[in-house]
Amino acid sequence: MCVDVANSAFLVGKNLLEVIKEVFDTGRGRPSADPYNVDTWREEDLKKVNELLRTCKVTYEIPQTRQKFCRRVQEISWNKAESIRFQSDRGPTNVYDYFVKEKNINLRHRNAPTVQISKTAFIPAEVRF
């Protein structure tokens, strides 16, 4: 996933989890939270991430179909991809399993945050551009 800070003078062009990692960097060699595990986040961590990324555009590609999507971030969610359930064409699933099994995307961080891109659509923050 590529991040474009829409209302600033520069293009970040990084993976979203890398951007979150930089937000958590305290400059003392130890991050304020683990960007790959929302269970370690405090309320102020989530607020800081959302203040930076809420109006950004994220671009991601589904490798199977080579489709590219560009969406505006509505919110970085505290919910993990495993905990967000919905009905797919193949039956009940969660965001994590949907991207791994149906979209054939290799995800490594089960506890990473999700990105809300519409009222009912979420994508794992680690989906790559």
Protein backbone atom coordinates (compact mmCIF):
# COMPACT_ATOMS: atom_id res chain seq x y z
CA MET A 1 0.00 0.00 0.00
CA CYS A 2 1.30 3.39 -0.94
CA VAL A 3 0.36 6.45 1.07
CA ASP A 4 -0.18 9.92 -0.41
CA VAL A 5 -0.55 12.66 2.18
CA ALA A 6 -3.27 14.48 0.27
CA ASN A 7 -3.17 17.85 2.01
CA SER A 8 0.54 18.32 2.35
CA ALA A 9 3.36 19.46 0.12
CA PHE A 10 4.99 16.05 -0.20
CA LEU A 11 4.27 12.49 -1.25
CA VAL A 12 5.15 9.88 1.33
CA GLY A 13 5.07 6.88 -1.03
CA LYS A 14 5.65 4.28 1.70
CA ASN A 15 3.96 1.18 3.00
CA LEU A 16 1.30 2.21 5.52
CA LEU A 17 2.80 0.16 8.37
CA GLU A 18 6.17 1.88 7.76
CA VAL A 19 4.45 5.27 8.11
CA ILE A 20 2.78 4.14 11.35
CA LYS A 21 6.15 2.88 12.61
CA GLU A 22 7.64 6.35 11.99
CA VAL A 23 4.73 7.97 13.86
CA PHE A 24 5.51 5.75 16.86
CA ASP A 25 9.25 6.49 16.73
CA THR A 26 10.15 8.37 19.90
CA GLY A 27 13.70 9.10 18.78
CA ARG A 28 15.00 7.20 21.79
CA GLY A 29 15.47 3.88 20.01
CA ARG A 30 12.18 2.50 21.28
CA PRO A 31 8.78 3.07 19.66
CA SER A 32 5.84 4.21 21.76
CA ALA A 33 3.89 1.13 20.52
CA ASP A 34 4.26 -1.82 18.17
CA PRO A 35 2.81 -0.74 14.79
CA TYR A 36 2.17 -4.38 13.89
CA ASN A 37 0.06 -5.12 16.98
CA VAL A 38 -2.90 -2.89 17.84
CA ASP A 39 -3.13 -4.61 21.24
CA THR A 40 -0.08 -2.53 22.30
CA TRP A 41 -1.57 0.79 21.14
CA ARG A 42 -2.79 3.40 23.58
CA GLU A 43 -5.63 5.76 22.78
CA GLU A 44 -3.17 8.58 22.08
CA ASP A 45 -1.27 6.34 19.62
CA LEU A 46 -4.42 5.73 17.59
CA LYS A 47 -5.31 9.43 17.74
CA LYS A 48 -1.84 10.43 16.50
CA VAL A 49 -1.99 7.96 13.58
CA ASN A 50 -5.49 9.10 12.59
CA GLU A 51 -4.53 12.80 12.75
CA LEU A 52 -1.80 12.14 10.19
CA LEU A 53 -3.51 9.62 7.93
CA ARG A 54 -7.24 10.35 8.03
CA THR A 55 -7.24 12.44 4.83
CA CYS A 56 -4.55 10.48 2.99
CA LYS A 57 -5.14 8.45 -0.12
CA VAL A 58 -3.97 4.84 -0.15
CA THR A 59 -3.25 2.92 -3.32
CA TYR A 60 -3.22 -0.85 -3.29
CA GLU A 61 -3.24 -3.65 -5.82
CA ILE A 62 -4.92 -7.06 -5.80
CA PRO A 63 -2.16 -9.22 -7.34
CA GLN A 64 -4.54 -11.91 -8.58
CA THR A 65 -6.37 -9.53 -10.92
CA ARG A 66 -3.75 -6.75 -11.10
CA GLN A 67 -6.54 -4.31 -10.20
CA LYS A 68 -5.36 -1.12 -8.55
CA PHE A 69 -7.49 0.88 -6.16
CA CYS A 70 -7.02 4.35 -4.75
CA ARG A 71 -9.13 5.23 -1.71
CA ARG A 72 -9.15 7.96 0.90
CA VAL A 73 -8.53 6.81 4.47
CA GLN A 74 -11.58 7.42 6.62
CA GLU A 75 -9.98 5.99 9.73
CA ILE A 76 -7.25 3.70 10.97
CA SER A 77 -9.20 1.20 13.02
CA TRP A 78 -8.31 -0.42 16.30
CA ASN A 79 -9.99 -3.56 14.95
CA LYS A 80 -7.77 -6.34 13.68
CA ALA A 81 -8.51 -7.85 10.27
CA GLU A 82 -9.48 -11.11 11.96
CA SER A 83 -12.18 -9.46 14.07
CA ILE A 84 -14.08 -7.70 11.26
CA ARG A 85 -16.60 -10.20 9.89
CA PHE A 86 -18.75 -9.90 6.78
CA GLN A 87 -20.57 -11.96 4.16
CA SER A 88 -18.57 -12.61 0.98
CA ASP A 89 -19.72 -14.40 -2.18
CA ARG A 90 -18.37 -17.61 -0.63
CA GLY A 91 -20.08 -17.21 2.75
CA PRO A 92 -19.18 -15.68 6.13
CA THR A 93 -15.56 -14.62 6.53
CA ASN A 94 -13.36 -11.96 8.08
CA VAL A 95 -11.12 -9.34 6.46
CA TYR A 96 -7.92 -11.31 7.14
CA ASP A 97 -9.17 -14.58 5.62
CA TYR A 98 -10.78 -12.76 2.71
CA PHE A 99 -7.49 -11.16 1.63
CA VAL A 100 -5.43 -14.32 2.27
CA LYS A 101 -7.78 -16.96 0.83
CA GLU A 102 -9.86 -15.13 -1.75
CA LYS A 103 -7.40 -12.46 -2.94
CA ASN A 104 -4.27 -14.59 -2.48
CA ILE A 105 -2.37 -11.88 -0.61
CA ASN A 106 0.31 -12.99 1.85
CA LEU A 107 -0.34 -11.23 5.16
CA ARG A 108 2.09 -11.67 8.05
CA HIS A 109 0.68 -9.52 10.84
CA ARG A 110 -2.59 -10.87 12.26
CA ASN A 111 -2.69 -8.16 14.93
CA ALA A 112 -2.00 -5.20 12.63
CA PRO A 113 -4.62 -2.46 12.29
CA THR A 114 -7.15 -2.15 9.50
CA VAL A 115 -7.90 0.83 7.31
CA GLN A 116 -11.50 1.90 6.94
CA ILE A 117 -11.97 3.11 3.35
CA SER A 118 -15.77 3.37 3.29
CA LYS A 119 -18.68 2.96 5.66
CA THR A 120 -18.47 -0.85 5.44
CA ALA A 121 -15.11 -1.59 3.74
CA PHE A 122 -11.87 -2.32 5.57
CA ILE A 123 -8.47 -3.43 4.29
CA PRO A 124 -5.52 -4.73 6.31
CA ALA A 125 -2.92 -2.00 6.82
CA GLU A 126 -0.19 -4.29 5.50
CA VAL A 127 -1.68 -4.79 2.01
CA ARG A 128 1.19 -3.81 -0.26
CA PHE A 129 1.28 -1.46 -3.25
